[in-house]
Amino acid sequence: MIGEDAVISQGSHLCTATHDHLADDFALMVAPINVGANAWVAAEAFIAPGITIGASAVIGARSTVTKCVTDYTIVAGNPASPIATRPENARNNLGRRPPSPSHIHKPKG
């Protein structure tokens, strides 16, 4: 499940299945991923099966998440580990405000 106003950035992998590499039959193992409201999974992150990303949590770009992330926690790295806490009033609100002109990239030439 992906919560309201959650952002999944480009190239991210939400992997809900794996295989039991110790089993003779290499059995498929499936587990859902849950991403809380206002959470952000940044570019090229990998989220393992069965993981819950809490509300307003942030997953750093190219991070590998193999443990659940609590609400408002910012994680990064491989494996991902906590690096900061997001303010409790943080909201993504994308699409609810016009982009700032200072954040618009204009190619030269």
N, C-alpha and C. Protein backbone atom coordinates (compact mmCIF):
# COMPACT_ATOMS: atom_id res chain seq x y z
N MET A 1 0.84 -1.17 0.00
CA MET A 1 0.00 0.00 0.00
C MET A 1 0.89 1.24 0.00
N ILE A 2 0.50 2.23 -0.77
CA ILE A 2 1.22 3.50 -0.82
C ILE A 2 0.28 4.57 -0.29
N GLY A 3 0.69 5.24 0.79
CA GLY A 3 -0.15 6.21 1.47
C GLY A 3 -0.32 7.50 0.71
N GLU A 4 -1.29 8.29 1.16
CA GLU A 4 -1.61 9.57 0.54
C GLU A 4 -0.40 10.50 0.56
N ASP A 5 -0.14 11.14 -0.58
CA ASP A 5 0.94 12.09 -0.78
C ASP A 5 2.33 11.49 -0.60
N ALA A 6 2.44 10.17 -0.63
CA ALA A 6 3.76 9.53 -0.62
C ALA A 6 4.38 9.73 -2.00
N VAL A 7 5.71 9.80 -2.04
CA VAL A 7 6.43 10.00 -3.30
C VAL A 7 7.39 8.83 -3.48
N ILE A 8 7.30 8.19 -4.64
CA ILE A 8 8.24 7.15 -5.03
C ILE A 8 9.01 7.71 -6.22
N SER A 9 10.27 8.06 -6.03
CA SER A 9 11.03 8.71 -7.09
C SER A 9 11.54 7.73 -8.13
N GLN A 10 12.04 8.29 -9.22
CA GLN A 10 12.45 7.53 -10.39
C GLN A 10 13.50 6.47 -10.06
N GLY A 11 13.34 5.32 -10.70
CA GLY A 11 14.30 4.24 -10.59
C GLY A 11 14.28 3.47 -9.28
N SER A 12 13.33 3.76 -8.41
CA SER A 12 13.24 3.02 -7.16
C SER A 12 12.68 1.62 -7.40
N HIS A 13 13.09 0.68 -6.57
CA HIS A 13 12.64 -0.70 -6.70
C HIS A 13 11.95 -1.11 -5.41
N LEU A 14 10.65 -1.36 -5.50
CA LEU A 14 9.90 -1.88 -4.38
C LEU A 14 9.69 -3.36 -4.68
N CYS A 15 10.50 -4.19 -4.06
CA CYS A 15 10.57 -5.61 -4.39
C CYS A 15 9.75 -6.42 -3.38
N THR A 16 8.61 -6.94 -3.80
CA THR A 16 7.71 -7.64 -2.88
C THR A 16 7.89 -9.15 -2.89
N ALA A 17 8.92 -9.64 -3.54
CA ALA A 17 9.14 -11.09 -3.56
C ALA A 17 10.63 -11.41 -3.65
N THR A 18 10.96 -12.58 -3.17
CA THR A 18 12.32 -13.09 -3.24
C THR A 18 12.22 -14.61 -3.29
N HIS A 19 13.34 -15.28 -3.22
CA HIS A 19 13.34 -16.74 -3.22
C HIS A 19 14.08 -17.25 -2.00
N ASP A 20 13.64 -18.41 -1.52
CA ASP A 20 14.32 -19.07 -0.41
C ASP A 20 15.53 -19.79 -0.98
N HIS A 21 16.68 -19.15 -0.91
CA HIS A 21 17.89 -19.69 -1.53
C HIS A 21 18.42 -20.93 -0.80
N LEU A 22 17.88 -21.23 0.38
CA LEU A 22 18.30 -22.42 1.12
C LEU A 22 17.39 -23.62 0.86
N ALA A 23 16.23 -23.39 0.25
CA ALA A 23 15.28 -24.47 -0.03
C ALA A 23 15.65 -25.20 -1.31
N ASP A 24 15.41 -26.51 -1.32
CA ASP A 24 15.69 -27.31 -2.51
C ASP A 24 14.92 -26.83 -3.74
N ASP A 25 13.71 -26.33 -3.51
CA ASP A 25 12.87 -25.91 -4.64
C ASP A 25 12.97 -24.41 -4.95
N PHE A 26 13.88 -23.67 -4.22
CA PHE A 26 14.06 -22.23 -4.47
C PHE A 26 12.72 -21.50 -4.40
N ALA A 27 11.91 -21.85 -3.40
CA ALA A 27 10.53 -21.38 -3.28
C ALA A 27 10.42 -19.86 -3.29
N LEU A 28 9.37 -19.40 -3.95
CA LEU A 28 9.05 -17.98 -3.99
C LEU A 28 8.51 -17.55 -2.63
N MET A 29 9.00 -16.44 -2.11
CA MET A 29 8.51 -15.88 -0.85
C MET A 29 8.02 -14.47 -1.14
N VAL A 30 6.77 -14.19 -0.78
CA VAL A 30 6.12 -12.92 -1.10
C VAL A 30 5.75 -12.21 0.20
N ALA A 31 6.01 -10.90 0.25
CA ALA A 31 5.62 -10.09 1.41
C ALA A 31 5.36 -8.66 0.93
N PRO A 32 4.25 -8.06 1.37
CA PRO A 32 3.90 -6.71 0.90
C PRO A 32 4.84 -5.64 1.46
N ILE A 33 4.87 -4.51 0.76
CA ILE A 33 5.59 -3.31 1.21
C ILE A 33 4.53 -2.25 1.47
N ASN A 34 4.68 -1.54 2.57
CA ASN A 34 3.78 -0.44 2.89
C ASN A 34 4.58 0.85 3.01
N VAL A 35 4.10 1.89 2.34
CA VAL A 35 4.74 3.20 2.38
C VAL A 35 3.72 4.17 2.97
N GLY A 36 4.06 4.78 4.09
CA GLY A 36 3.13 5.65 4.80
C GLY A 36 2.86 6.97 4.10
N ALA A 37 1.82 7.64 4.56
CA ALA A 37 1.45 8.95 4.02
C ALA A 37 2.61 9.92 4.17
N ASN A 38 2.82 10.73 3.15
CA ASN A 38 3.85 11.78 3.11
C ASN A 38 5.28 11.26 3.18
N ALA A 39 5.48 9.95 3.01
CA ALA A 39 6.83 9.41 2.97
C ALA A 39 7.44 9.70 1.60
N TRP A 40 8.76 9.67 1.54
CA TRP A 40 9.47 9.89 0.28
C TRP A 40 10.53 8.81 0.13
N VAL A 41 10.40 8.03 -0.94
CA VAL A 41 11.42 7.05 -1.33
C VAL A 41 12.18 7.71 -2.47
N ALA A 42 13.40 8.16 -2.20
CA ALA A 42 14.17 8.92 -3.18
C ALA A 42 14.71 8.03 -4.30
N ALA A 43 15.29 8.66 -5.31
CA ALA A 43 15.71 8.00 -6.55
C ALA A 43 16.58 6.77 -6.31
N GLU A 44 16.25 5.73 -7.03
CA GLU A 44 17.02 4.49 -7.11
C GLU A 44 17.16 3.73 -5.79
N ALA A 45 16.27 4.00 -4.84
CA ALA A 45 16.29 3.24 -3.59
C ALA A 45 15.76 1.83 -3.83
N PHE A 46 16.20 0.89 -2.99
CA PHE A 46 15.72 -0.49 -3.03
C PHE A 46 15.03 -0.78 -1.71
N ILE A 47 13.77 -1.22 -1.79
CA ILE A 47 13.00 -1.57 -0.61
C ILE A 47 12.74 -3.08 -0.67
N ALA A 48 13.19 -3.80 0.35
CA ALA A 48 13.06 -5.26 0.39
C ALA A 48 11.64 -5.69 0.72
N PRO A 49 11.31 -6.96 0.44
CA PRO A 49 9.97 -7.48 0.75
C PRO A 49 9.64 -7.37 2.24
N GLY A 50 8.37 -7.07 2.54
CA GLY A 50 7.89 -7.05 3.91
C GLY A 50 8.20 -5.80 4.69
N ILE A 51 8.76 -4.79 4.05
CA ILE A 51 9.17 -3.57 4.74
C ILE A 51 8.00 -2.59 4.85
N THR A 52 7.94 -1.90 5.99
CA THR A 52 7.02 -0.79 6.19
C THR A 52 7.84 0.48 6.34
N ILE A 53 7.51 1.47 5.51
CA ILE A 53 8.11 2.80 5.59
C ILE A 53 7.07 3.66 6.30
N GLY A 54 7.43 4.22 7.43
CA GLY A 54 6.47 4.98 8.24
C GLY A 54 6.04 6.29 7.60
N ALA A 55 5.01 6.87 8.19
CA ALA A 55 4.49 8.15 7.72
C ALA A 55 5.57 9.22 7.79
N SER A 56 5.68 10.02 6.74
CA SER A 56 6.62 11.14 6.63
C SER A 56 8.09 10.74 6.74
N ALA A 57 8.39 9.45 6.59
CA ALA A 57 9.78 9.00 6.59
C ALA A 57 10.42 9.35 5.25
N VAL A 58 11.74 9.42 5.22
CA VAL A 58 12.49 9.70 3.99
C VAL A 58 13.54 8.61 3.82
N ILE A 59 13.58 8.05 2.61
CA ILE A 59 14.58 7.06 2.24
C ILE A 59 15.54 7.74 1.27
N GLY A 60 16.80 7.85 1.64
CA GLY A 60 17.78 8.55 0.81
C GLY A 60 18.00 7.86 -0.53
N ALA A 61 18.43 8.64 -1.50
CA ALA A 61 18.70 8.13 -2.84
C ALA A 61 19.69 6.97 -2.78
N ARG A 62 19.41 5.93 -3.55
CA ARG A 62 20.23 4.73 -3.68
C ARG A 62 20.40 3.94 -2.39
N SER A 63 19.54 4.17 -1.42
CA SER A 63 19.61 3.42 -0.18
C SER A 63 19.04 2.02 -0.36
N THR A 64 19.48 1.09 0.48
CA THR A 64 18.96 -0.27 0.49
C THR A 64 18.29 -0.49 1.84
N VAL A 65 16.97 -0.64 1.82
CA VAL A 65 16.19 -0.75 3.05
C VAL A 65 15.82 -2.21 3.29
N THR A 66 16.38 -2.77 4.37
CA THR A 66 16.11 -4.17 4.72
C THR A 66 15.45 -4.29 6.09
N LYS A 67 15.20 -3.16 6.75
CA LYS A 67 14.50 -3.13 8.04
C LYS A 67 13.45 -2.03 7.97
N CYS A 68 12.35 -2.22 8.70
CA CYS A 68 11.28 -1.23 8.69
C CYS A 68 11.78 0.11 9.21
N VAL A 69 11.18 1.18 8.68
CA VAL A 69 11.57 2.55 9.02
C VAL A 69 10.39 3.21 9.75
N THR A 70 10.65 3.76 10.92
CA THR A 70 9.58 4.36 11.71
C THR A 70 9.18 5.73 11.17
N ASP A 71 8.02 6.19 11.62
CA ASP A 71 7.50 7.50 11.22
C ASP A 71 8.55 8.60 11.42
N TYR A 72 8.63 9.53 10.47
CA TYR A 72 9.47 10.72 10.52
C TYR A 72 10.97 10.46 10.54
N THR A 73 11.37 9.23 10.30
CA THR A 73 12.79 8.90 10.31
C THR A 73 13.39 9.06 8.92
N ILE A 74 14.58 9.64 8.84
CA ILE A 74 15.32 9.77 7.59
C ILE A 74 16.45 8.76 7.63
N VAL A 75 16.48 7.88 6.62
CA VAL A 75 17.53 6.86 6.54
C VAL A 75 18.27 7.00 5.23
N ALA A 76 19.52 6.51 5.22
CA ALA A 76 20.32 6.52 3.99
C ALA A 76 21.40 5.46 4.12
N GLY A 77 21.90 5.03 2.96
CA GLY A 77 23.02 4.12 2.93
C GLY A 77 22.66 2.70 2.53
N ASN A 78 23.70 1.85 2.56
CA ASN A 78 23.55 0.44 2.20
C ASN A 78 24.35 -0.39 3.21
N PRO A 79 23.65 -0.99 4.17
CA PRO A 79 22.20 -0.93 4.40
C PRO A 79 21.80 0.43 5.00
N ALA A 80 20.55 0.80 4.77
CA ALA A 80 20.06 2.08 5.25
C ALA A 80 20.07 2.12 6.77
N SER A 81 20.48 3.26 7.30
CA SER A 81 20.45 3.47 8.75
C SER A 81 19.99 4.89 9.03
N PRO A 82 19.43 5.12 10.21
CA PRO A 82 18.90 6.45 10.53
C PRO A 82 20.00 7.52 10.55
N ILE A 83 19.68 8.68 9.94
CA ILE A 83 20.63 9.79 9.94
C ILE A 83 20.02 11.07 10.51
N ALA A 84 18.69 11.13 10.58
CA ALA A 84 18.03 12.34 11.09
C ALA A 84 16.55 12.04 11.31
N THR A 85 15.86 13.04 11.83
CA THR A 85 14.42 12.96 12.02
C THR A 85 13.77 14.10 11.27
N ARG A 86 12.72 13.80 10.55
CA ARG A 86 11.98 14.81 9.80
C ARG A 86 11.02 15.53 10.75
N PRO A 87 10.83 16.83 10.58
CA PRO A 87 9.89 17.56 11.44
C PRO A 87 8.48 16.96 11.37
N GLU A 88 7.77 16.96 12.49
CA GLU A 88 6.45 16.34 12.53
C GLU A 88 5.42 17.06 11.67
N ASN A 89 5.67 18.30 11.28
CA ASN A 89 4.74 19.03 10.42
C ASN A 89 5.11 18.89 8.93
N ALA A 90 6.09 18.07 8.61
CA ALA A 90 6.53 17.91 7.21
C ALA A 90 5.44 17.27 6.37
N ARG A 91 5.19 17.85 5.22
CA ARG A 91 4.22 17.33 4.26
C ARG A 91 4.82 17.46 2.87
N ASN A 92 4.56 16.51 2.00
CA ASN A 92 5.08 16.58 0.64
C ASN A 92 4.32 17.60 -0.19
N ASN A 93 2.99 17.56 -0.17
CA ASN A 93 2.15 18.54 -0.85
C ASN A 93 2.52 18.83 -2.30
N LEU A 94 3.09 17.87 -2.97
CA LEU A 94 3.41 18.07 -4.38
C LEU A 94 2.12 18.23 -5.18
N GLY A 95 2.14 19.13 -6.11
CA GLY A 95 0.96 19.36 -6.93
C GLY A 95 -0.02 20.33 -6.30
N ARG A 96 0.23 20.75 -5.10
CA ARG A 96 -0.66 21.69 -4.43
C ARG A 96 -0.12 23.11 -4.45
N ARG A 97 1.08 23.27 -4.97
CA ARG A 97 1.67 24.61 -5.06
C ARG A 97 2.46 24.70 -6.36
N PRO A 98 2.52 25.87 -6.95
CA PRO A 98 3.31 26.00 -8.19
C PRO A 98 4.80 25.89 -7.88
N PRO A 99 5.59 25.38 -8.82
CA PRO A 99 7.03 25.29 -8.59
C PRO A 99 7.65 26.67 -8.46
N SER A 100 8.62 26.76 -7.61
CA SER A 100 9.34 28.02 -7.43
C SER A 100 10.23 28.24 -8.65
N PRO A 101 10.26 29.47 -9.22
CA PRO A 101 11.11 29.72 -10.39
C PRO A 101 12.58 29.40 -10.13
N SER A 102 13.04 29.50 -8.89
CA SER A 102 14.44 29.21 -8.60
C SER A 102 14.74 27.71 -8.65
N HIS A 103 13.71 26.87 -8.69
CA HIS A 103 13.91 25.43 -8.73
C HIS A 103 13.67 24.83 -10.12
N ILE A 104 13.39 25.68 -11.08
CA ILE A 104 13.14 25.19 -12.44
C ILE A 104 14.45 25.23 -13.22
N HIS A 105 14.84 24.08 -13.73
CA HIS A 105 16.09 23.98 -14.51
C HIS A 105 15.79 24.35 -15.95
N LYS A 106 16.54 25.32 -16.48
CA LYS A 106 16.38 25.72 -17.88
C LYS A 106 17.72 25.44 -18.58
N PRO A 107 17.68 24.58 -19.62
CA PRO A 107 18.91 24.28 -20.35
C PRO A 107 19.49 25.54 -20.99
N LYS A 108 20.83 25.59 -20.99
CA LYS A 108 21.50 26.72 -21.64
C LYS A 108 21.58 26.49 -23.13
N GLY A 109 21.54 27.59 -23.86
CA GLY A 109 21.75 27.51 -25.30
C GLY A 109 20.52 27.41 -26.03
